Amino acid sequence: MVDLALLTGLTTSTITMAVPLLLAALGELVAERAGILNIGLEGLMLVGAFAALAGAFFSGSTTLGVVIALASGALLGCGFAFFVVARNANQVVAGTALNLFAVGLTGVAYRAAFGITGAALTVAGTPSISVPYLDRLPVLGPSFFRQTALGYVAFLSVPFVSVTLMRTLPGLKLRMVGENPRAAETQGVNVGLVRTLALALCGTFAAAGGAYLALGYAKTFVEEMSAGRGFIALAIVIVGRRSAWGIALASLLFGLATALQFHFQALGLPVPYQFFLVLPYVLTLLVLAGYIGRVHTPAALGQPYTRS
């Protein structure tokens, strides 16, 4: 017989682990549809996490902390756009530099503000919001309908991003830029502006994922706490076939892989705990090995563009 308490706990952990991945992956989806490969998601999540926690700690408002995180993500996204859109820098190199910059910036800021231990860096976190009646459903109720505001935003963003990309004029322009920027320019589309806005939105989504990690999950900040989630989000975009709905399903899959490591460790199985820790990353490698080359990639992805 299935233990409902165990199943509910696993489902809740899966959703909690999936939310930051989903937010970052949706941001990457927007960027890639515009023709920009942003491997700086890890850094954007890290900065978002620190900005959210520090903002909430010093202001006493988790809402303000989230706003600061979103603003920092948008700002870094625009900074990234300056190099890869305005200056046509190599996108992989620029993304790597963004990751390194974020690690250094948050590490220095963390120690400057809170000392080496950072023992005081703890906040109450964002409260959960229950949906009446739905939160009483078995298994799914506590996991889906007792979420923080950012959790609800993550899942509501899936249909919003899907409809915007596929059913609206701005979405059509963005996809034109990702497929053939030269043709888009002949139709009057400002390629540089579209790509810059896409990267600003990408930064906002990724920073929201970091804010969820800091305020909705850990209630604190630890150096390099993004722990590879930005790179997993890149894999999720591929596994989800660059579709918002596919990305949502892939995020749940990776969230489950992450949640399982905690539950397997709690069961006290006679297996080294390091085996469970690598589960999400092994899954990332396996799905990338199976999917790369079989998923449609925007024709202009990763290619610099100079306005004629």
Protein backbone atom coordinates (compact mmCIF):
# COMPACT_ATOMS: atom_id res chain seq x y z
CA MET A 1 0.00 0.00 0.00
CA VAL A 2 1.29 3.45 -0.93
CA ASP A 3 2.18 5.65 2.03
CA LEU A 4 0.27 8.88 1.33
CA ALA A 5 2.41 10.88 3.74
CA LEU A 6 5.58 9.77 1.97
CA LEU A 7 4.07 10.42 -1.46
CA THR A 8 2.86 13.86 -0.38
CA GLY A 9 6.30 14.72 0.97
CA LEU A 10 7.98 13.58 -2.24
CA THR A 11 5.55 15.57 -4.39
CA THR A 12 6.02 18.68 -2.28
CA SER A 13 9.80 18.36 -2.49
CA THR A 14 9.57 17.84 -6.26
CA ILE A 15 7.60 21.05 -6.73
CA THR A 16 9.94 22.99 -4.45
CA MET A 17 12.98 21.80 -6.40
CA ALA A 18 11.30 22.37 -9.78
CA VAL A 19 10.23 26.00 -9.28
CA PRO A 20 13.69 27.67 -9.51
CA LEU A 21 14.60 25.44 -12.46
CA LEU A 22 11.36 26.32 -14.23
CA LEU A 23 11.83 30.06 -13.76
CA ALA A 24 15.42 30.01 -15.04
CA ALA A 25 14.52 27.74 -17.97
CA LEU A 26 11.63 29.96 -19.07
CA GLY A 27 14.01 32.92 -19.10
CA GLU A 28 16.48 30.95 -21.20
CA LEU A 29 13.66 29.97 -23.57
CA VAL A 30 12.90 33.62 -24.26
CA ALA A 31 16.58 34.40 -24.83
CA GLU A 32 17.16 31.43 -27.14
CA ARG A 33 14.06 32.16 -29.17
CA ALA A 34 15.62 35.56 -29.80
CA GLY A 35 18.85 33.91 -30.96
CA ILE A 36 20.95 34.39 -27.79
CA LEU A 37 22.52 31.52 -25.88
CA ASN A 38 22.85 32.67 -22.27
CA ILE A 39 24.92 30.21 -20.26
CA GLY A 40 25.14 32.82 -17.50
CA LEU A 41 21.95 31.53 -15.84
CA GLU A 42 23.97 30.18 -12.93
CA GLY A 43 25.34 33.63 -12.18
CA LEU A 44 21.98 35.32 -12.62
CA MET A 45 20.36 32.91 -10.15
CA LEU A 46 23.16 33.44 -7.67
CA VAL A 47 22.90 37.22 -7.81
CA GLY A 48 19.11 36.99 -7.54
CA ALA A 49 19.42 34.81 -4.44
CA PHE A 50 21.84 37.17 -2.72
CA ALA A 51 19.94 40.31 -3.70
CA ALA A 52 16.65 38.85 -2.45
CA LEU A 53 18.03 37.68 0.87
CA ALA A 54 20.08 40.81 1.56
CA GLY A 55 17.21 43.07 0.51
CA ALA A 56 14.76 41.23 2.74
CA PHE A 57 17.21 41.14 5.65
CA PHE A 58 18.01 44.85 5.67
CA SER A 59 14.52 46.12 4.77
CA GLY A 60 12.51 43.62 6.77
CA SER A 61 10.30 43.03 3.73
CA THR A 62 10.50 39.86 1.65
CA THR A 63 8.45 41.59 -1.05
CA LEU A 64 11.06 44.31 -1.38
CA GLY A 65 13.76 41.65 -1.39
CA VAL A 66 12.09 39.94 -4.37
CA VAL A 67 11.73 43.26 -6.20
CA ILE A 68 15.42 44.02 -5.67
CA ALA A 69 16.30 40.56 -6.97
CA LEU A 70 14.20 41.01 -10.11
CA ALA A 71 15.74 44.43 -10.74
CA SER A 72 19.26 43.05 -10.31
CA GLY A 73 18.50 40.25 -12.77
CA ALA A 74 17.12 42.66 -15.36
CA LEU A 75 20.15 44.94 -14.91
CA LEU A 76 22.61 42.08 -15.36
CA GLY A 77 20.62 40.89 -18.38
CA CYS A 78 21.00 44.32 -19.96
CA GLY A 79 24.71 44.32 -19.09
CA PHE A 80 25.08 40.94 -20.79
CA ALA A 81 23.21 42.34 -23.80
CA PHE A 82 25.69 45.21 -24.05
CA PHE A 83 28.48 42.72 -24.73
CA VAL A 84 26.74 40.10 -26.86
CA VAL A 85 24.26 42.31 -28.72
CA ALA A 86 25.88 45.74 -28.97
CA ARG A 87 29.49 44.54 -29.09
CA ASN A 88 28.92 41.10 -30.71
CA ALA A 89 31.05 39.32 -28.10
CA ASN A 90 31.19 35.53 -28.12
CA GLN A 91 28.09 34.44 -26.23
CA VAL A 92 29.66 31.42 -24.55
CA VAL A 93 32.66 33.42 -23.34
CA ALA A 94 30.46 36.28 -22.14
CA GLY A 95 28.15 33.86 -20.31
CA THR A 96 31.10 32.19 -18.61
CA ALA A 97 32.40 35.60 -17.58
CA LEU A 98 28.98 36.45 -16.15
CA ASN A 99 29.03 33.30 -14.03
CA LEU A 100 32.51 34.05 -12.69
CA PHE A 101 31.58 37.67 -12.04
CA ALA A 102 28.50 36.63 -10.08
CA VAL A 103 30.45 34.16 -7.92
CA GLY A 104 33.03 36.81 -7.08
CA LEU A 105 30.53 39.62 -6.57
CA THR A 106 28.20 37.69 -4.26
CA GLY A 107 31.10 36.17 -2.33
CA VAL A 108 32.70 39.54 -1.64
CA ALA A 109 29.36 41.22 -0.86
CA TYR A 110 28.35 38.36 1.44
CA ARG A 111 31.53 38.56 3.50
CA ALA A 112 31.52 42.36 3.55
CA ALA A 113 27.93 42.54 4.82
CA PHE A 114 27.73 39.52 7.11
CA GLY A 115 31.27 38.39 7.89
CA ILE A 116 32.87 35.06 7.18
CA THR A 117 30.26 32.92 8.91
CA GLY A 118 27.18 34.88 7.89
CA ALA A 119 25.41 33.50 10.96
CA ALA A 120 23.04 36.47 11.11
CA LEU A 121 21.91 36.05 7.52
CA THR A 122 18.54 34.42 8.17
CA VAL A 123 15.03 35.65 7.42
CA ALA A 124 11.52 34.31 7.88
CA GLY A 125 11.16 33.82 4.13
CA THR A 126 8.15 34.26 1.88
CA PRO A 127 4.91 32.87 3.31
CA SER A 128 2.90 30.14 1.63
CA ILE A 129 -0.47 31.10 0.17
CA SER A 130 -3.16 28.42 0.31
CA VAL A 131 -5.88 28.11 -2.30
CA PRO A 132 -9.14 27.38 -0.43
CA TYR A 133 -10.54 23.87 -0.91
CA LEU A 134 -7.88 22.92 -3.50
CA ASP A 135 -5.21 22.79 -0.81
CA ARG A 136 -7.14 19.94 0.83
CA LEU A 137 -6.74 17.62 -2.13
CA PRO A 138 -4.74 14.49 -1.30
CA VAL A 139 -1.06 14.58 -2.36
CA LEU A 140 -1.41 17.44 -4.89
CA GLY A 141 -3.12 19.90 -2.53
CA PRO A 142 -0.20 20.60 -0.17
CA SER A 143 2.35 20.64 -3.00
CA PHE A 144 0.61 22.67 -5.72
CA PHE A 145 -1.86 24.80 -3.78
CA ARG A 146 0.19 25.84 -0.75
CA GLN A 147 2.85 27.71 -2.65
CA THR A 148 4.67 30.98 -2.21
CA ALA A 149 3.81 33.83 -4.58
CA LEU A 150 6.90 33.05 -6.69
CA GLY A 151 5.83 29.43 -6.93
CA TYR A 152 2.45 30.40 -8.33
CA VAL A 153 4.10 32.91 -10.67
CA ALA A 154 6.39 30.17 -12.01
CA PHE A 155 3.56 27.87 -13.04
CA LEU A 156 1.27 30.65 -14.25
CA SER A 157 4.14 31.92 -16.41
CA VAL A 158 4.08 28.71 -18.45
CA PRO A 159 0.83 29.41 -20.35
CA PHE A 160 1.66 33.12 -20.45
CA VAL A 161 5.06 32.56 -22.08
CA SER A 162 3.63 29.92 -24.41
CA VAL A 163 0.82 32.13 -25.67
CA THR A 164 3.03 35.21 -25.92
CA LEU A 165 5.68 33.44 -27.97
CA MET A 166 3.36 31.54 -30.28
CA ARG A 167 0.19 33.61 -30.54
CA THR A 168 1.15 37.29 -30.34
CA LEU A 169 2.87 39.81 -32.61
CA PRO A 170 5.72 40.52 -30.13
CA GLY A 171 6.29 36.77 -29.89
CA LEU A 172 6.38 36.47 -33.66
CA LYS A 173 8.94 39.27 -33.90
CA LEU A 174 11.09 37.64 -31.24
CA ARG A 175 11.03 34.29 -33.06
CA MET A 176 11.82 36.02 -36.37
CA VAL A 177 14.89 37.55 -34.77
CA GLY A 178 15.99 34.13 -33.54
CA GLU A 179 15.49 32.45 -36.91
CA ASN A 180 16.55 35.13 -39.40
CA PRO A 181 17.52 38.52 -37.97
CA ARG A 182 18.29 39.91 -41.42
CA ALA A 183 14.77 39.14 -42.64
CA ALA A 184 13.33 40.54 -39.41
CA GLU A 185 15.23 43.77 -39.97
CA THR A 186 13.78 44.12 -43.48
CA GLN A 187 10.33 43.89 -41.86
CA GLY A 188 11.12 46.84 -39.61
CA VAL A 189 12.04 44.88 -36.49
CA ASN A 190 14.74 46.40 -34.30
CA VAL A 191 16.86 43.27 -33.78
CA GLY A 192 19.12 44.80 -31.14
CA LEU A 193 16.20 46.08 -29.07
CA VAL A 194 14.33 42.77 -29.24
CA ARG A 195 17.40 40.81 -28.15
CA THR A 196 18.17 43.25 -25.35
CA LEU A 197 14.63 43.06 -24.00
CA ALA A 198 14.74 39.26 -24.26
CA LEU A 199 17.94 39.15 -22.20
CA ALA A 200 16.50 41.56 -19.63
CA LEU A 201 13.50 39.26 -19.29
CA CYS A 202 15.79 36.24 -19.13
CA GLY A 203 17.72 37.88 -16.29
CA THR A 204 14.50 38.70 -14.46
CA PHE A 205 13.24 35.11 -14.67
CA ALA A 206 16.58 33.62 -13.60
CA ALA A 207 16.90 36.05 -10.69
CA ALA A 208 13.36 35.13 -9.64
CA GLY A 209 14.53 31.52 -9.51
CA GLY A 210 17.40 32.58 -7.26
CA ALA A 211 15.04 34.60 -5.08
CA TYR A 212 12.86 31.52 -4.64
CA LEU A 213 15.91 29.52 -3.58
CA ALA A 214 16.86 32.09 -0.95
CA LEU A 215 13.46 33.16 0.36
CA GLY A 216 11.10 30.34 -0.50
CA TYR A 217 13.35 27.38 0.16
CA ALA A 218 16.54 27.94 2.19
CA LYS A 219 15.56 31.13 4.07
CA THR A 220 19.24 32.05 3.97
CA PHE A 221 22.13 32.59 1.57
CA VAL A 222 25.17 30.39 1.08
CA GLU A 223 27.99 31.15 -1.33
CA GLU A 224 27.44 29.41 -4.67
CA MET A 225 24.07 28.15 -3.47
CA SER A 226 22.75 27.90 -7.03
CA ALA A 227 24.81 24.67 -7.13
CA GLY A 228 24.63 24.04 -10.86
CA ARG A 229 20.92 24.74 -11.24
CA GLY A 230 21.59 27.27 -13.99
CA PHE A 231 23.28 24.61 -16.11
CA ILE A 232 20.49 22.15 -15.38
CA ALA A 233 18.04 24.81 -16.59
CA LEU A 234 19.96 24.95 -19.88
CA ALA A 235 19.46 21.20 -20.25
CA ILE A 236 15.77 21.56 -19.38
CA VAL A 237 15.28 23.94 -22.32
CA ILE A 238 16.64 21.26 -24.65
CA VAL A 239 14.71 18.41 -23.04
CA GLY A 240 11.54 20.53 -23.16
CA ARG A 241 12.10 21.06 -26.92
CA ARG A 242 12.13 24.83 -26.44
CA SER A 243 8.43 24.77 -25.58
CA ALA A 244 7.07 26.36 -22.41
CA TRP A 245 4.88 23.34 -21.66
CA GLY A 246 7.68 20.91 -22.41
CA ILE A 247 9.98 22.90 -20.14
CA ALA A 248 7.39 22.70 -17.34
CA LEU A 249 7.31 18.90 -17.61
CA ALA A 250 11.10 18.65 -17.81
CA SER A 251 11.44 20.89 -14.75
CA LEU A 252 9.19 18.52 -12.79
CA LEU A 253 11.32 15.58 -13.94
CA PHE A 254 14.53 17.22 -12.76
CA GLY A 255 12.80 18.42 -9.61
CA LEU A 256 11.87 14.81 -8.89
CA ALA A 257 15.46 13.67 -9.44
CA THR A 258 16.65 16.30 -6.96
CA ALA A 259 13.93 15.48 -4.43
CA LEU A 260 14.70 11.77 -4.60
CA GLN A 261 18.24 12.32 -3.37
CA PHE A 262 16.91 13.74 -0.10
CA HIS A 263 14.34 10.99 0.37
CA PHE A 264 16.78 8.21 -0.47
CA GLN A 265 19.25 9.59 2.06
CA ALA A 266 16.50 9.80 4.69
CA LEU A 267 15.68 6.11 4.17
CA GLY A 268 19.15 5.19 5.36
CA LEU A 269 19.87 2.86 2.45
CA PRO A 270 23.30 1.14 2.51
CA VAL A 271 24.50 3.25 -0.42
CA PRO A 272 27.03 6.12 -0.24
CA TYR A 273 25.13 9.41 -0.05
CA GLN A 274 27.31 10.85 -2.83
CA PHE A 275 25.52 8.52 -5.24
CA PHE A 276 22.22 10.27 -4.54
CA LEU A 277 23.79 13.73 -4.75
CA VAL A 278 24.87 13.20 -8.35
CA LEU A 279 21.46 11.98 -9.55
CA PRO A 280 20.30 15.33 -11.07
CA TYR A 281 23.62 15.85 -12.83
CA VAL A 282 23.78 12.31 -14.20
CA LEU A 283 20.24 12.79 -15.51
CA THR A 284 21.36 16.04 -17.14
CA LEU A 285 24.19 14.30 -18.98
CA LEU A 286 22.00 11.40 -20.06
CA VAL A 287 19.22 13.52 -21.51
CA LEU A 288 21.65 15.86 -23.23
CA ALA A 289 23.38 12.90 -24.82
CA GLY A 290 20.05 11.66 -26.11
CA TYR A 291 18.48 14.96 -27.18
CA ILE A 292 21.20 17.14 -28.66
CA GLY A 293 20.90 17.07 -32.43
CA ARG A 294 17.26 15.94 -32.37
CA VAL A 295 15.67 19.18 -31.18
CA HIS A 296 14.97 22.17 -33.42
CA THR A 297 17.37 24.99 -32.69
CA PRO A 298 16.66 28.60 -33.78
CA ALA A 299 18.70 29.10 -36.92
CA ALA A 300 20.49 32.20 -35.64
CA LEU A 301 21.12 30.91 -32.10
CA GLY A 302 24.54 31.96 -30.89
CA GLN A 303 25.34 33.90 -34.04
CA PRO A 304 26.36 37.58 -33.79
CA TYR A 305 24.40 40.04 -35.88
CA THR A 306 25.56 43.34 -37.31
CA ARG A 307 22.87 45.71 -38.50
CA SER A 308 23.11 46.42 -42.21
